[in-house]
C-alpha atoms as a PDB file:
ATOM      1  CA  MET A   1      10.954  15.785  -1.224  1.00  0.00           C
ATOM      2  CA  ASN A   2      10.319  11.981  -2.144  1.00  0.00           C
ATOM      3  CA  VAL A   3      12.760  10.480  -4.816  1.00  0.00           C
ATOM      4  CA  LEU A   4      11.950   8.262  -7.748  1.00  0.00           C
ATOM      5  CA  LEU A   5      14.666   4.870  -7.490  1.00  0.00           C
ATOM      6  CA  THR A   6      13.261   2.880 -10.402  1.00  0.00           C
ATOM      7  CA  GLU A   7      10.415   2.248 -12.322  1.00  0.00           C
ATOM      8  CA  THR A   8       9.086  -0.002 -14.848  1.00  0.00           C
ATOM      9  CA  ILE A   9       6.236   0.236 -17.359  1.00  0.00           C
ATOM     10  CA  LEU A  10       3.715  -3.091 -16.238  1.00  0.00           C
ATOM     11  CA  PRO A  11       2.251  -4.981 -19.509  1.00  0.00           C
ATOM     12  CA  SER A  12      -0.972  -2.623 -18.958  1.00  0.00           C
ATOM     13  CA  ARG A  13       0.952   0.161 -19.488  1.00  0.00           C
ATOM     14  CA  ALA A  14       1.226   1.461 -16.234  1.00  0.00           C
ATOM     15  CA  SER A  15       4.304   2.876 -14.139  1.00  0.00           C
ATOM     16  CA  LEU A  16       5.224   1.380 -11.737  1.00  0.00           C
ATOM     17  CA  GLN A  17       7.818   3.287  -9.438  1.00  0.00           C
ATOM     18  CA  LEU A  18       9.854   2.852  -6.619  1.00  0.00           C
ATOM     19  CA  VAL A  19      10.492   5.804  -4.457  1.00  0.00           C
ATOM     20  CA  GLN A  20      12.007   6.539  -1.315  1.00  0.00           C
ATOM     21  CA  GLY A  21      10.462   9.146   0.919  1.00  0.00           C
ATOM     22  CA  ASP A  22       7.428   9.934   2.923  1.00  0.00           C
ATOM     23  CA  ILE A  23       3.990   8.808   1.792  1.00  0.00           C
ATOM     24  CA  THR A  24       2.102  11.458   3.449  1.00  0.00           C
ATOM     25  CA  ALA A  25       3.764  13.962   0.991  1.00  0.00           C
ATOM     26  CA  GLU A  26       2.578  12.076  -2.556  1.00  0.00           C
ATOM     27  CA  THR A  27       0.287  13.767  -4.564  1.00  0.00           C
ATOM     28  CA  THR A  28      -1.568  10.439  -6.402  1.00  0.00           C
ATOM     29  CA  ASP A  29      -4.883  10.401  -6.178  1.00  0.00           C
ATOM     30  CA  ALA A  30      -4.534   7.890  -2.997  1.00  0.00           C
ATOM     31  CA  ILE A  31      -2.070   6.444  -0.430  1.00  0.00           C
ATOM     32  CA  VAL A  32      -2.693   3.691   1.528  1.00  0.00           C
ATOM     33  CA  ASN A  33      -2.581   3.329   4.898  1.00  0.00           C
ATOM     34  CA  ALA A  34      -0.680  -0.006   6.508  1.00  0.00           C
ATOM     35  CA  ALA A  35      -4.076  -0.444   9.166  1.00  0.00           C
ATOM     36  CA  ASN A  36      -5.309  -2.070  11.742  1.00  0.00           C
ATOM     37  CA  GLU A  37      -8.505  -4.109  11.579  1.00  0.00           C
ATOM     38  CA  TYR A  38     -10.158  -1.305  14.039  1.00  0.00           C
ATOM     39  CA  LEU A  39      -8.537   1.726  11.885  1.00  0.00           C
ATOM     40  CA  GLN A  40      -6.774   2.917  15.380  1.00  0.00           C
ATOM     41  CA  HIS A  41      -4.119   5.249  13.923  1.00  0.00           C
ATOM     42  CA  GLY A  42      -0.907   5.056  16.533  1.00  0.00           C
ATOM     43  CA  ALA A  43       2.050   4.584  15.044  1.00  0.00           C
ATOM     44  CA  GLY A  44       4.134   3.907  11.869  1.00  0.00           C
ATOM     45  CA  VAL A  45       2.501   4.918   8.560  1.00  0.00           C
ATOM     46  CA  ALA A  46      -0.930   4.540  10.404  1.00  0.00           C
ATOM     47  CA  GLY A  47       0.065   7.562  13.046  1.00  0.00           C
ATOM     48  CA  ALA A  48       1.887  10.019  10.462  1.00  0.00           C
ATOM     49  CA  ILE A  49      -1.273   9.701   7.861  1.00  0.00           C
ATOM     50  CA  VAL A  50      -3.240  10.846  10.801  1.00  0.00           C
ATOM     51  CA  ARG A  51      -0.810  14.183  11.984  1.00  0.00           C
ATOM     52  CA  ARG A  52      -0.745  15.108   8.557  1.00  0.00           C
ATOM     53  CA  GLY A  53      -4.299  14.372   7.500  1.00  0.00           C
ATOM     54  CA  GLY A  54      -5.875  15.852  10.039  1.00  0.00           C
ATOM     55  CA  PRO A  55      -9.005  15.394  12.424  1.00  0.00           C
ATOM     56  CA  ALA A  56     -10.871  14.608   9.046  1.00  0.00           C
ATOM     57  CA  VAL A  57      -9.172  10.871   8.404  1.00  0.00           C
ATOM     58  CA  LYS A  58      -9.539   9.827  12.182  1.00  0.00           C
ATOM     59  CA  ALA A  59     -12.891  10.934  12.310  1.00  0.00           C
ATOM     60  CA  GLU A  60     -13.867   8.892   9.310  1.00  0.00           C
ATOM     61  CA  SER A  61     -12.219   5.828  10.351  1.00  0.00           C
ATOM     62  CA  GLU A  62     -14.231   5.628  13.098  1.00  0.00           C
ATOM     63  CA  ALA A  63     -17.410   6.049  11.377  1.00  0.00           C
ATOM     64  CA  TRP A  64     -15.949   3.204   8.667  1.00  0.00           C
ATOM     65  CA  VAL A  65     -15.728   1.107  11.474  1.00  0.00           C
ATOM     66  CA  ARG A  66     -19.291   1.564  13.229  1.00  0.00           C
ATOM     67  CA  GLU A  67     -20.825   1.206  10.128  1.00  0.00           C
ATOM     68  CA  HIS A  68     -19.291  -0.815   8.481  1.00  0.00           C
ATOM     69  CA  GLY A  69     -17.228  -3.536  11.346  1.00  0.00           C
ATOM     70  CA  LEU A  70     -13.452  -4.925  10.905  1.00  0.00           C
ATOM     71  CA  VAL A  71     -11.384  -4.242   8.269  1.00  0.00           C
ATOM     72  CA  SER A  72     -10.235  -7.386   6.393  1.00  0.00           C
ATOM     73  CA  HIS A  73      -7.176  -8.084   4.642  1.00  0.00           C
ATOM     74  CA  ALA A  74      -9.033  -8.270   1.321  1.00  0.00           C
ATOM     75  CA  GLU A  75     -11.353  -5.646   1.283  1.00  0.00           C
ATOM     76  CA  PRO A  76     -10.194  -2.481   2.398  1.00  0.00           C
ATOM     77  CA  ALA A  77     -11.656   0.000   4.004  1.00  0.00           C
ATOM     78  CA  TRP A  78     -11.200   3.979   2.130  1.00  0.00           C
ATOM     79  CA  THR A  79     -11.557   7.818   3.914  1.00  0.00           C
ATOM     80  CA  SER A  80     -11.359  11.405   2.828  1.00  0.00           C
ATOM     81  CA  GLY A  81      -7.194  12.658   2.752  1.00  0.00           C
ATOM     82  CA  GLY A  82      -7.562  15.248   5.394  1.00  0.00           C
ATOM     83  CA  ASN A  83      -5.387  18.211   4.945  1.00  0.00           C
ATOM     84  CA  LEU A  84      -2.739  15.747   2.528  1.00  0.00           C
ATOM     85  CA  PRO A  85      -2.099  16.081  -0.875  1.00  0.00           C
ATOM     86  CA  ALA A  86      -4.040  12.541  -1.754  1.00  0.00           C
ATOM     87  CA  LYS A  87      -7.966  12.477  -2.178  1.00  0.00           C
ATOM     88  CA  TYR A  88      -8.120   9.549  -0.734  1.00  0.00           C
ATOM     89  CA  VAL A  89      -6.463   6.870   2.148  1.00  0.00           C
ATOM     90  CA  ILE A  90      -7.009   3.319   1.287  1.00  0.00           C
ATOM     91  CA  HIS A  91      -6.655   1.372   5.043  1.00  0.00           C
ATOM     92  CA  ALA A  92      -5.027  -1.396   4.025  1.00  0.00           C
ATOM     93  CA  VAL A  93      -5.081  -4.407   6.709  1.00  0.00           C
ATOM     94  CA  GLY A  94      -1.665  -6.024   6.373  1.00  0.00           C
ATOM     95  CA  PRO A  95      -1.402  -9.291   8.712  1.00  0.00           C
ATOM     96  CA  ILE A  96       0.821  -9.500  11.909  1.00  0.00           C
ATOM     97  CA  TRP A  97       3.752 -11.988  11.357  1.00  0.00           C
ATOM     98  CA  GLY A  98       3.601 -15.158  14.044  1.00  0.00           C
ATOM     99  CA  ASP A  99      -0.313 -14.093  14.417  1.00  0.00           C
ATOM    100  CA  THR A 100      -1.899 -15.332  11.594  1.00  0.00           C
ATOM    101  CA  PRO A 101      -4.514 -18.393  12.043  1.00  0.00           C
ATOM    102  CA  GLY A 102      -2.855 -21.382  10.446  1.00  0.00           C
ATOM    103  CA  GLY A 103       0.215 -19.204   9.151  1.00  0.00           C
ATOM    104  CA  ASP A 104      -1.076 -17.490   5.889  1.00  0.00           C
ATOM    105  CA  GLU A 105       0.724 -14.142   6.136  1.00  0.00           C
ATOM    106  CA  ASP A 106       1.994 -14.276   3.073  1.00  0.00           C
ATOM    107  CA  ALA A 107      -2.086 -14.472   0.759  1.00  0.00           C
ATOM    108  CA  ARG A 108      -3.025 -12.094   3.757  1.00  0.00           C
ATOM    109  CA  LEU A 109      -0.397  -9.557   2.410  1.00  0.00           C
ATOM    110  CA  ALA A 110      -0.986 -10.605  -0.970  1.00  0.00           C
ATOM    111  CA  GLU A 111      -4.759 -10.010  -0.761  1.00  0.00           C
ATOM    112  CA  ALA A 112      -4.245  -6.701   1.106  1.00  0.00           C
ATOM    113  CA  VAL A 113      -2.128  -5.275  -1.614  1.00  0.00           C
ATOM    114  CA  THR A 114      -4.563  -6.466  -4.285  1.00  0.00           C
ATOM    115  CA  GLY A 115      -7.669  -5.336  -2.490  1.00  0.00           C
ATOM    116  CA  SER A 116      -6.251  -1.795  -2.145  1.00  0.00           C
ATOM    117  CA  LEU A 117      -5.954  -1.809  -6.309  1.00  0.00           C
ATOM    118  CA  ARG A 118      -9.410  -3.412  -6.524  1.00  0.00           C
ATOM    119  CA  LEU A 119     -10.647  -0.357  -4.440  1.00  0.00           C
ATOM    120  CA  ALA A 120      -8.482   2.245  -6.244  1.00  0.00           C
ATOM    121  CA  GLU A 121      -9.697   0.758  -9.710  1.00  0.00           C
ATOM    122  CA  LYS A 122     -13.970   1.180  -7.526  1.00  0.00           C
ATOM    123  CA  LEU A 123     -13.231   4.527  -7.048  1.00  0.00           C
ATOM    124  CA  ARG A 124     -11.868   5.177 -10.910  1.00  0.00           C
ATOM    125  CA  LEU A 125      -8.677   6.632  -9.326  1.00  0.00           C
ATOM    126  CA  THR A 126      -5.828   6.760 -11.643  1.00  0.00           C
ATOM    127  CA  SER A 127      -2.760   6.807  -9.003  1.00  0.00           C
ATOM    128  CA  ILE A 128      -1.871   5.195  -5.909  1.00  0.00           C
ATOM    129  CA  ALA A 129       0.805   5.249  -3.913  1.00  0.00           C
ATOM    130  CA  LEU A 130       1.509   2.172  -1.139  1.00  0.00           C
ATOM    131  CA  PRO A 131       4.131   1.592   1.750  1.00  0.00           C
ATOM    132  CA  ALA A 132       5.889  -1.571   2.438  1.00  0.00           C
ATOM    133  CA  ILE A 133       2.588  -2.775   4.437  1.00  0.00           C
ATOM    134  CA  SER A 134       3.265  -4.287   7.424  1.00  0.00           C
ATOM    135  CA  THR A 135       6.903  -4.204   7.835  1.00  0.00           C
ATOM    136  CA  GLY A 136       6.587  -1.722  10.659  1.00  0.00           C
ATOM    137  CA  ILE A 137       5.126  -2.985  14.360  1.00  0.00           C
ATOM    138  CA  PHE A 138       3.527  -6.060  12.586  1.00  0.00           C
ATOM    139  CA  GLY A 139       6.877  -7.408  12.020  1.00  0.00           C
ATOM    140  CA  PHE A 140       6.563  -9.084   8.350  1.00  0.00           C
ATOM    141  CA  PRO A 141      10.153  -9.714   7.144  1.00  0.00           C
ATOM    142  CA  LYS A 142      11.247  -6.989   4.785  1.00  0.00           C
ATOM    143  CA  GLU A 143      12.495  -8.657   2.528  1.00  0.00           C
ATOM    144  CA  ARG A 144       9.687 -11.758   2.379  1.00  0.00           C
ATOM    145  CA  ALA A 145       7.344  -8.690   2.313  1.00  0.00           C
ATOM    146  CA  ALA A 146       9.373  -7.163  -1.240  1.00  0.00           C
ATOM    147  CA  GLY A 147       8.981 -10.306  -3.060  1.00  0.00           C
ATOM    148  CA  ILE A 148       5.189 -10.609  -2.197  1.00  0.00           C
ATOM    149  CA  ILE A 149       4.097  -6.815  -3.080  1.00  0.00           C
ATOM    150  CA  LEU A 150       6.046  -5.799  -6.179  1.00  0.00           C
ATOM    151  CA  SER A 151       4.649  -9.725  -7.464  1.00  0.00           C
ATOM    152  CA  ALA A 152       1.337  -8.467  -6.312  1.00  0.00           C
ATOM    153  CA  VAL A 153       1.127  -5.105  -8.070  1.00  0.00           C
ATOM    154  CA  ARG A 154       2.521  -7.639 -10.973  1.00  0.00           C
ATOM    155  CA  GLU A 155       0.166  -9.435 -10.682  1.00  0.00           C
ATOM    156  CA  TYR A 156      -2.599  -7.654 -10.635  1.00  0.00           C
ATOM    157  CA  PHE A 157      -1.894  -5.777 -13.601  1.00  0.00           C
ATOM    158  CA  GLY A 158      -1.031  -9.005 -15.594  1.00  0.00           C
ATOM    159  CA  ASN A 159      -4.680  -9.108 -14.775  1.00  0.00           C
ATOM    160  CA  ASN A 160      -6.016  -6.541 -15.772  1.00  0.00           C
ATOM    161  CA  PRO A 161      -4.389  -5.054 -18.634  1.00  0.00           C
ATOM    162  CA  ASP A 162      -7.622  -2.503 -19.260  1.00  0.00           C
ATOM    163  CA  SER A 163      -6.442  -0.970 -15.619  1.00  0.00           C
ATOM    164  CA  GLY A 164      -7.398   2.537 -15.415  1.00  0.00           C
ATOM    165  CA  ILE A 165      -4.774   3.055 -13.004  1.00  0.00           C
ATOM    166  CA  LYS A 166      -1.928   4.418 -14.662  1.00  0.00           C
ATOM    167  CA  LEU A 167       0.747   5.028 -11.964  1.00  0.00           C
ATOM    168  CA  VAL A 168       1.487   2.939  -8.444  1.00  0.00           C
ATOM    169  CA  ARG A 169       4.464   4.403  -6.644  1.00  0.00           C
ATOM    170  CA  LEU A 170       5.986   2.021  -3.859  1.00  0.00           C
ATOM    171  CA  VAL A 171       7.115   4.907  -1.528  1.00  0.00           C
ATOM    172  CA  LEU A 172       9.812   2.899   1.274  1.00  0.00           C
ATOM    173  CA  TYR A 173      10.947   5.358   3.606  1.00  0.00           C
ATOM    174  CA  ASP A 174      14.271   3.469   5.465  1.00  0.00           C
ATOM    175  CA  GLN A 175      17.108   2.379   4.121  1.00  0.00           C
ATOM    176  CA  ALA A 176      17.026  -1.371   4.998  1.00  0.00           C
ATOM    177  CA  THR A 177      13.117  -1.339   3.442  1.00  0.00           C
ATOM    178  CA  ILE A 178      14.780   0.309   0.264  1.00  0.00           C
ATOM    179  CA  ALA A 179      17.968  -2.064  -0.280  1.00  0.00           C
ATOM    180  CA  TYR A 180      15.556  -5.248   0.148  1.00  0.00           C
ATOM    181  CA  PHE A 181      12.840  -4.218  -1.997  1.00  0.00           C
ATOM    182  CA  LEU A 182      15.510  -2.305  -4.906  1.00  0.00           C
ATOM    183  CA  LYS A 183      16.570  -6.070  -4.936  1.00  0.00           C
ATOM    184  CA  THR A 184      13.840  -7.895  -5.786  1.00  0.00           C
ATOM    185  CA  TRP A 185      12.391  -5.256  -7.919  1.00  0.00           C
ATOM    186  CA  ASN A 186      16.268  -6.600 -10.068  1.00  0.00           C
ATOM    187  CA  ASP A 187      14.972  -9.984  -9.152  1.00  0.00           C
ATOM    188  CA  LEU A 188      11.583  -9.292 -10.994  1.00  0.00           C
ATOM    189  CA  PHE A 189      11.636  -7.038 -13.417  1.00  0.00           C
ATOM    190  CA  SER A 190      16.022  -6.327 -14.625  1.00  0.00           C
ATOM    191  CA  ALA A 191      16.152 -10.551 -15.850  1.00  0.00           C
ATOM    192  CA  LYS A 192      17.139 -10.994 -18.899  1.00  0.00           C
ATOM    193  CA  PRO A 193      14.660 -13.279 -21.077  1.00  0.00           C
END
């Protein structure tokens, strides 16, 4: 069972929640997969999504790449949720730490988050769950990712006050990631004016 750790209401009136648990159990309209550009789902979040979502997620991912080509950081792909509780899976490509031409990993991670939220708007979704994109096998430092991901969400809703998205859940699995996100959360949202 996923556990709500903290919540804040953004200026757009969207609820931003930090949750400990399993993203594949989320009942939001969409969950975000921390994907690679080929949509090959091997380990980590991607592997868990395919195992629980079933063959439809894998087949639709392969069809997406055949039709549209490789997936970019700024323009995620999407598939059905297959057997998942979520209706959609948004496949966001985060950067591999230390392997980005020009060393622009921070900007690419922010693009993956913003692109996921834009795609959710395009699909007319009202709720979305995101993992700590790129912090697993892609090696992005967790503390750094926490600041980028939380800031990107806050900035997106600051720039889109009429967004139809009403709930964003950041679903984190391990205790180390949770600790970094909680610290960053407190810095961003609990500061006194």
